[in-house]
Amino acid sequence: MTVNAVDFASLLCSRLCHDLLSPVGALNNGIELLAEENDPEMRERCLELLAESARVSASKLKFFRLAFGAAGGFGDVVDTREAKTAIDGLLGSDGRIEINWLVGEATLSKTAIKVLLNLTLIAGDALVRGGRLDIGGEVVGGRTEIVIRAEGPRLVLDTELRTALSGEADETALTPRAAAAWLVHTLATESGGHAQVASTDPAFLLFGATLGRA
């Protein structure tokens, strides 16, 4: 049985809600504390926390809109600077993960941008103690090639994500956590390409995708 569009949309929505719950919840808690706090220093601290939670929420929404939604308008291509800005805002702002941007193309297809962002999201989640992401993408002979290398002191990638990327997962048992990986597999396969993940060293993970149409 193949997962249908409604079920897959539900998986994506669950993933979005899970990722947004923490910063939005922090905003709510901060407002409650601010309403009860009279000490000027504590109120200033509350405002700082509110500002940080608002920034995180906005960064996640911007990233998810481009990775899962219809951001970039109705054209066939997206400026790669938009993808870089979204990645920097989500993963690179706190200094925990170093972002090395190696995408030379000025634009990529919407499909390629979604694949690149979702692979980056998966790779970033695997860096549980921080590290470095090398993000590359180019169009060669009409085919788009995307490579993301994750390096860090501890890398964790669930088996479910590996099998979802390769297309070997049980589609009826997919969880929201694997939604991004399954989306990458689906987009790559539908374009005539494929996605994969490899690891030859405990400190490295290499994610790749080839799209048949640029």
C-alpha atoms as a PDB file:
ATOM      1  CA  MET A   1       0.000   0.000   0.000  1.00  0.00           C
ATOM      2  CA  THR A   2       1.365   3.422  -0.965  1.00  0.00           C
ATOM      3  CA  VAL A   3       0.988   6.363   1.425  1.00  0.00           C
ATOM      4  CA  ASN A   4      -1.609   8.727  -0.027  1.00  0.00           C
ATOM      5  CA  ALA A   5      -1.367  12.501  -0.315  1.00  0.00           C
ATOM      6  CA  VAL A   6      -3.657  13.180   2.653  1.00  0.00           C
ATOM      7  CA  ASP A   7      -1.739  10.852   4.962  1.00  0.00           C
ATOM      8  CA  PHE A   8       1.571  12.333   3.868  1.00  0.00           C
ATOM      9  CA  ALA A   9       0.268  15.879   4.403  1.00  0.00           C
ATOM     10  CA  SER A  10      -0.717  14.797   7.907  1.00  0.00           C
ATOM     11  CA  LEU A  11       2.818  13.539   8.542  1.00  0.00           C
ATOM     12  CA  LEU A  12       4.282  16.864   7.416  1.00  0.00           C
ATOM     13  CA  CYS A  13       1.827  18.849   9.538  1.00  0.00           C
ATOM     14  CA  SER A  14       2.696  16.742  12.577  1.00  0.00           C
ATOM     15  CA  ARG A  15       6.391  17.372  11.977  1.00  0.00           C
ATOM     16  CA  LEU A  16       5.808  21.130  11.682  1.00  0.00           C
ATOM     17  CA  CYS A  17       3.711  21.268  14.846  1.00  0.00           C
ATOM     18  CA  HIS A  18       6.339  19.274  16.761  1.00  0.00           C
ATOM     19  CA  ASP A  19       9.163  21.610  15.694  1.00  0.00           C
ATOM     20  CA  LEU A  20       7.192  24.797  16.352  1.00  0.00           C
ATOM     21  CA  LEU A  21       5.776  23.739  19.712  1.00  0.00           C
ATOM     22  CA  SER A  22       8.903  24.587  21.703  1.00  0.00           C
ATOM     23  CA  PRO A  23       9.520  28.197  20.539  1.00  0.00           C
ATOM     24  CA  VAL A  24       5.810  29.068  20.475  1.00  0.00           C
ATOM     25  CA  GLY A  25       5.378  27.559  23.935  1.00  0.00           C
ATOM     26  CA  ALA A  26       8.320  29.637  25.144  1.00  0.00           C
ATOM     27  CA  LEU A  27       6.613  32.757  23.805  1.00  0.00           C
ATOM     28  CA  ASN A  28       3.468  31.933  25.745  1.00  0.00           C
ATOM     29  CA  ASN A  29       5.392  31.236  28.956  1.00  0.00           C
ATOM     30  CA  GLY A  30       7.426  34.401  28.546  1.00  0.00           C
ATOM     31  CA  ILE A  31       4.318  36.548  28.175  1.00  0.00           C
ATOM     32  CA  GLU A  32       2.814  34.997  31.307  1.00  0.00           C
ATOM     33  CA  LEU A  33       6.009  35.653  33.276  1.00  0.00           C
ATOM     34  CA  LEU A  34       6.233  39.205  31.985  1.00  0.00           C
ATOM     35  CA  ALA A  35       2.675  39.940  33.120  1.00  0.00           C
ATOM     36  CA  GLU A  36       3.488  38.784  36.665  1.00  0.00           C
ATOM     37  CA  GLU A  37       7.007  40.191  37.008  1.00  0.00           C
ATOM     38  CA  ASN A  38       7.674  43.632  38.539  1.00  0.00           C
ATOM     39  CA  ASP A  39      11.449  43.565  38.897  1.00  0.00           C
ATOM     40  CA  PRO A  40      12.985  45.678  36.064  1.00  0.00           C
ATOM     41  CA  GLU A  41      15.933  43.330  35.518  1.00  0.00           C
ATOM     42  CA  MET A  42      13.717  40.267  35.358  1.00  0.00           C
ATOM     43  CA  ARG A  43      11.346  42.026  32.961  1.00  0.00           C
ATOM     44  CA  GLU A  44      14.293  42.844  30.725  1.00  0.00           C
ATOM     45  CA  ARG A  45      15.374  39.209  30.834  1.00  0.00           C
ATOM     46  CA  CYS A  46      11.835  38.124  29.930  1.00  0.00           C
ATOM     47  CA  LEU A  47      11.860  40.470  26.955  1.00  0.00           C
ATOM     48  CA  GLU A  48      15.161  39.015  25.794  1.00  0.00           C
ATOM     49  CA  LEU A  49      13.745  35.501  25.994  1.00  0.00           C
ATOM     50  CA  LEU A  50      10.622  36.592  24.134  1.00  0.00           C
ATOM     51  CA  ALA A  51      12.725  38.147  21.391  1.00  0.00           C
ATOM     52  CA  GLU A  52      14.807  34.981  21.018  1.00  0.00           C
ATOM     53  CA  SER A  53      11.723  32.756  20.914  1.00  0.00           C
ATOM     54  CA  ALA A  54      10.147  35.012  18.291  1.00  0.00           C
ATOM     55  CA  ARG A  55      13.323  34.872  16.195  1.00  0.00           C
ATOM     56  CA  VAL A  56      13.472  31.075  16.386  1.00  0.00           C
ATOM     57  CA  SER A  57       9.797  30.772  15.465  1.00  0.00           C
ATOM     58  CA  ALA A  58      10.200  33.105  12.483  1.00  0.00           C
ATOM     59  CA  SER A  59      13.323  31.263  11.289  1.00  0.00           C
ATOM     60  CA  LYS A  60      11.581  27.897  11.449  1.00  0.00           C
ATOM     61  CA  LEU A  61       8.516  29.185   9.613  1.00  0.00           C
ATOM     62  CA  LYS A  62      10.657  30.694   6.870  1.00  0.00           C
ATOM     63  CA  PHE A  63      12.592  27.452   6.454  1.00  0.00           C
ATOM     64  CA  PHE A  64       9.509  25.218   6.471  1.00  0.00           C
ATOM     65  CA  ARG A  65       7.683  27.466   3.997  1.00  0.00           C
ATOM     66  CA  LEU A  66      10.518  26.998   1.520  1.00  0.00           C
ATOM     67  CA  ALA A  67      11.196  23.322   2.322  1.00  0.00           C
ATOM     68  CA  PHE A  68       7.596  22.097   2.403  1.00  0.00           C
ATOM     69  CA  GLY A  69       5.430  24.853   0.961  1.00  0.00           C
ATOM     70  CA  ALA A  70       5.111  27.013  -2.143  1.00  0.00           C
ATOM     71  CA  ALA A  71       7.619  29.727  -1.247  1.00  0.00           C
ATOM     72  CA  GLY A  72       9.428  31.343  -4.149  1.00  0.00           C
ATOM     73  CA  GLY A  73       6.313  32.260  -6.109  1.00  0.00           C
ATOM     74  CA  PHE A  74       4.941  30.449  -9.121  1.00  0.00           C
ATOM     75  CA  GLY A  75       8.147  30.273 -11.167  1.00  0.00           C
ATOM     76  CA  ASP A  76      10.017  27.070 -11.841  1.00  0.00           C
ATOM     77  CA  VAL A  77      13.251  28.166 -10.132  1.00  0.00           C
ATOM     78  CA  VAL A  78      14.232  29.673  -6.779  1.00  0.00           C
ATOM     79  CA  ASP A  79      17.146  31.947  -5.936  1.00  0.00           C
ATOM     80  CA  THR A  80      19.625  29.822  -3.976  1.00  0.00           C
ATOM     81  CA  ARG A  81      20.285  32.794  -1.685  1.00  0.00           C
ATOM     82  CA  GLU A  82      16.819  32.232  -0.250  1.00  0.00           C
ATOM     83  CA  ALA A  83      17.782  28.684   0.666  1.00  0.00           C
ATOM     84  CA  LYS A  84      21.052  29.830   2.236  1.00  0.00           C
ATOM     85  CA  THR A  85      19.276  32.485   4.309  1.00  0.00           C
ATOM     86  CA  ALA A  86      16.720  29.931   5.510  1.00  0.00           C
ATOM     87  CA  ILE A  87      19.433  27.434   6.475  1.00  0.00           C
ATOM     88  CA  ASP A  88      21.534  30.056   8.256  1.00  0.00           C
ATOM     89  CA  GLY A  89      18.485  31.212  10.217  1.00  0.00           C
ATOM     90  CA  LEU A  90      17.472  27.719  11.289  1.00  0.00           C
ATOM     91  CA  LEU A  91      20.814  26.023  11.938  1.00  0.00           C
ATOM     92  CA  GLY A  92      23.629  28.544  11.871  1.00  0.00           C
ATOM     93  CA  SER A  93      22.501  31.382  14.116  1.00  0.00           C
ATOM     94  CA  ASP A  94      23.495  29.948  17.512  1.00  0.00           C
ATOM     95  CA  GLY A  95      27.006  28.840  16.521  1.00  0.00           C
ATOM     96  CA  ARG A  96      26.309  25.180  17.336  1.00  0.00           C
ATOM     97  CA  ILE A  97      26.579  24.162  13.672  1.00  0.00           C
ATOM     98  CA  GLU A  98      29.021  25.664  11.196  1.00  0.00           C
ATOM     99  CA  ILE A  99      27.532  26.093   7.715  1.00  0.00           C
ATOM    100  CA  ASN A 100      29.860  25.823   4.717  1.00  0.00           C
ATOM    101  CA  TRP A 101      27.865  26.896   1.626  1.00  0.00           C
ATOM    102  CA  LEU A 102      29.273  25.390  -1.571  1.00  0.00           C
ATOM    103  CA  VAL A 103      26.331  25.888  -3.940  1.00  0.00           C
ATOM    104  CA  GLY A 104      27.627  27.670  -7.020  1.00  0.00           C
ATOM    105  CA  GLU A 105      24.339  27.946  -8.914  1.00  0.00           C
ATOM    106  CA  ALA A 106      22.443  31.253  -8.733  1.00  0.00           C
ATOM    107  CA  THR A 107      19.132  29.424  -9.032  1.00  0.00           C
ATOM    108  CA  LEU A 108      17.874  25.868  -8.726  1.00  0.00           C
ATOM    109  CA  SER A 109      14.554  24.268  -9.528  1.00  0.00           C
ATOM    110  CA  LYS A 110      11.916  24.301  -6.813  1.00  0.00           C
ATOM    111  CA  THR A 111      12.262  20.543  -6.533  1.00  0.00           C
ATOM    112  CA  ALA A 112      16.027  20.806  -6.069  1.00  0.00           C
ATOM    113  CA  ILE A 113      15.611  23.511  -3.417  1.00  0.00           C
ATOM    114  CA  LYS A 114      13.163  21.347  -1.471  1.00  0.00           C
ATOM    115  CA  VAL A 115      15.493  18.355  -1.671  1.00  0.00           C
ATOM    116  CA  LEU A 116      18.479  20.451  -0.578  1.00  0.00           C
ATOM    117  CA  LEU A 117      16.621  21.977   2.374  1.00  0.00           C
ATOM    118  CA  ASN A 118      15.145  18.703   3.571  1.00  0.00           C
ATOM    119  CA  LEU A 119      18.474  16.898   3.346  1.00  0.00           C
ATOM    120  CA  THR A 120      20.024  19.776   5.295  1.00  0.00           C
ATOM    121  CA  LEU A 121      17.295  19.463   7.933  1.00  0.00           C
ATOM    122  CA  ILE A 122      17.962  15.733   8.295  1.00  0.00           C
ATOM    123  CA  ALA A 123      21.736  16.256   8.431  1.00  0.00           C
ATOM    124  CA  GLY A 124      21.385  19.047  10.978  1.00  0.00           C
ATOM    125  CA  ASP A 125      19.185  16.891  13.216  1.00  0.00           C
ATOM    126  CA  ALA A 126      21.841  14.156  13.058  1.00  0.00           C
ATOM    127  CA  LEU A 127      24.436  16.523  14.567  1.00  0.00           C
ATOM    128  CA  VAL A 128      23.161  16.064  18.110  1.00  0.00           C
ATOM    129  CA  ARG A 129      26.247  17.747  19.616  1.00  0.00           C
ATOM    130  CA  GLY A 130      26.794  20.261  16.847  1.00  0.00           C
ATOM    131  CA  GLY A 131      29.427  20.202  14.158  1.00  0.00           C
ATOM    132  CA  ARG A 132      29.722  21.245  10.556  1.00  0.00           C
ATOM    133  CA  LEU A 133      27.609  20.994   7.417  1.00  0.00           C
ATOM    134  CA  ASP A 134      29.132  21.255   3.936  1.00  0.00           C
ATOM    135  CA  ILE A 135      26.290  21.951   1.520  1.00  0.00           C
ATOM    136  CA  GLY A 136      26.875  21.635  -2.220  1.00  0.00           C
ATOM    137  CA  GLY A 137      24.739  21.622  -5.326  1.00  0.00           C
ATOM    138  CA  GLU A 138      25.260  21.987  -9.055  1.00  0.00           C
ATOM    139  CA  VAL A 139      23.604  21.323 -12.389  1.00  0.00           C
ATOM    140  CA  VAL A 140      25.605  19.074 -14.707  1.00  0.00           C
ATOM    141  CA  GLY A 141      24.287  18.043 -18.102  1.00  0.00           C
ATOM    142  CA  GLY A 142      20.715  18.856 -17.153  1.00  0.00           C
ATOM    143  CA  ARG A 143      20.868  16.848 -13.934  1.00  0.00           C
ATOM    144  CA  THR A 144      21.006  18.431 -10.496  1.00  0.00           C
ATOM    145  CA  GLU A 145      23.432  16.908  -8.013  1.00  0.00           C
ATOM    146  CA  ILE A 146      23.148  17.735  -4.307  1.00  0.00           C
ATOM    147  CA  VAL A 147      25.642  16.628  -1.674  1.00  0.00           C
ATOM    148  CA  ILE A 148      25.590  17.389   2.058  1.00  0.00           C
ATOM    149  CA  ARG A 149      28.347  16.280   4.395  1.00  0.00           C
ATOM    150  CA  ALA A 150      27.733  16.287   8.145  1.00  0.00           C
ATOM    151  CA  GLU A 151      30.708  16.171  10.512  1.00  0.00           C
ATOM    152  CA  GLY A 152      30.513  16.182  14.282  1.00  0.00           C
ATOM    153  CA  PRO A 153      31.528  14.518  17.558  1.00  0.00           C
ATOM    154  CA  ARG A 154      28.279  12.532  17.676  1.00  0.00           C
ATOM    155  CA  LEU A 155      26.121  11.648  14.695  1.00  0.00           C
ATOM    156  CA  VAL A 156      22.765   9.912  15.117  1.00  0.00           C
ATOM    157  CA  LEU A 157      20.573   8.943  12.167  1.00  0.00           C
ATOM    158  CA  ASP A 158      17.597   6.681  12.835  1.00  0.00           C
ATOM    159  CA  THR A 159      17.201   3.580  10.719  1.00  0.00           C
ATOM    160  CA  GLU A 160      13.751   4.830   9.739  1.00  0.00           C
ATOM    161  CA  LEU A 161      15.305   7.897   8.124  1.00  0.00           C
ATOM    162  CA  ARG A 162      17.885   5.816   6.251  1.00  0.00           C
ATOM    163  CA  THR A 163      15.255   3.479   4.840  1.00  0.00           C
ATOM    164  CA  ALA A 164      12.915   6.357   3.984  1.00  0.00           C
ATOM    165  CA  LEU A 165      15.663   8.126   2.016  1.00  0.00           C
ATOM    166  CA  SER A 166      16.440   4.973   0.068  1.00  0.00           C
ATOM    167  CA  GLY A 167      12.761   4.157  -0.490  1.00  0.00           C
ATOM    168  CA  GLU A 168      12.965   0.898   1.468  1.00  0.00           C
ATOM    169  CA  ALA A 169      10.685   2.032   4.312  1.00  0.00           C
ATOM    170  CA  ASP A 170       7.294   0.520   5.005  1.00  0.00           C
ATOM    171  CA  GLU A 171       5.118   3.359   3.714  1.00  0.00           C
ATOM    172  CA  THR A 172       2.195   2.356   5.931  1.00  0.00           C
ATOM    173  CA  ALA A 173       4.356   2.730   9.049  1.00  0.00           C
ATOM    174  CA  LEU A 174       5.967   6.102   8.340  1.00  0.00           C
ATOM    175  CA  THR A 175       6.121   8.519  11.280  1.00  0.00           C
ATOM    176  CA  PRO A 176       6.277  12.346  11.225  1.00  0.00           C
ATOM    177  CA  ARG A 177       9.990  12.134  12.002  1.00  0.00           C
ATOM    178  CA  ALA A 178      10.599  10.473   8.624  1.00  0.00           C
ATOM    179  CA  ALA A 179       8.431  12.889   6.618  1.00  0.00           C
ATOM    180  CA  ALA A 180      11.356  14.964   5.340  1.00  0.00           C
ATOM    181  CA  ALA A 181      13.322  11.864   4.316  1.00  0.00           C
ATOM    182  CA  TRP A 182      10.366  10.371   2.475  1.00  0.00           C
ATOM    183  CA  LEU A 183       9.746  13.697   0.722  1.00  0.00           C
ATOM    184  CA  VAL A 184      13.358  13.713  -0.518  1.00  0.00           C
ATOM    185  CA  HIS A 185      13.030  10.157  -1.805  1.00  0.00           C
ATOM    186  CA  THR A 186       9.721  10.899  -3.518  1.00  0.00           C
ATOM    187  CA  LEU A 187      10.889  14.098  -5.211  1.00  0.00           C
ATOM    188  CA  ALA A 188      14.139  12.532  -6.379  1.00  0.00           C
ATOM    189  CA  THR A 189      12.425   9.391  -7.698  1.00  0.00           C
ATOM    190  CA  GLU A 190       9.677  11.312  -9.493  1.00  0.00           C
ATOM    191  CA  SER A 191      12.325  13.369 -11.285  1.00  0.00           C
ATOM    192  CA  GLY A 192      14.072  10.220 -12.503  1.00  0.00           C
ATOM    193  CA  GLY A 193      16.841  10.361  -9.912  1.00  0.00           C
ATOM    194  CA  HIS A 194      17.549   8.929  -6.475  1.00  0.00           C
ATOM    195  CA  ALA A 195      18.641   9.798  -2.936  1.00  0.00           C
ATOM    196  CA  GLN A 196      21.106   8.056  -0.656  1.00  0.00           C
ATOM    197  CA  VAL A 197      23.044   8.308   2.581  1.00  0.00           C
ATOM    198  CA  ALA A 198      26.451   6.797   3.335  1.00  0.00           C
ATOM    199  CA  SER A 199      28.877   6.666   6.229  1.00  0.00           C
ATOM    200  CA  THR A 200      32.448   5.364   6.117  1.00  0.00           C
ATOM    201  CA  ASP A 201      33.518   6.958   9.386  1.00  0.00           C
ATOM    202  CA  PRO A 202      31.677   7.472  12.730  1.00  0.00           C
ATOM    203  CA  ALA A 203      32.369  11.209  12.513  1.00  0.00           C
ATOM    204  CA  PHE A 204      30.897  11.707   9.033  1.00  0.00           C
ATOM    205  CA  LEU A 205      27.598  11.284   7.237  1.00  0.00           C
ATOM    206  CA  LEU A 206      27.247  11.912   3.524  1.00  0.00           C
ATOM    207  CA  PHE A 207      23.828  12.651   2.024  1.00  0.00           C
ATOM    208  CA  GLY A 208      23.313  12.837  -1.718  1.00  0.00           C
ATOM    209  CA  ALA A 209      20.550  13.240  -4.278  1.00  0.00           C
ATOM    210  CA  THR A 210      20.522  13.294  -8.055  1.00  0.00           C
ATOM    211  CA  LEU A 211      17.527  14.798  -9.841  1.00  0.00           C
ATOM    212  CA  GLY A 212      16.831  13.800 -13.398  1.00  0.00           C
ATOM    213  CA  ARG A 213      15.496  17.206 -14.411  1.00  0.00           C
ATOM    214  CA  ALA A 214      17.252  20.458 -13.563  1.00  0.00           C
END
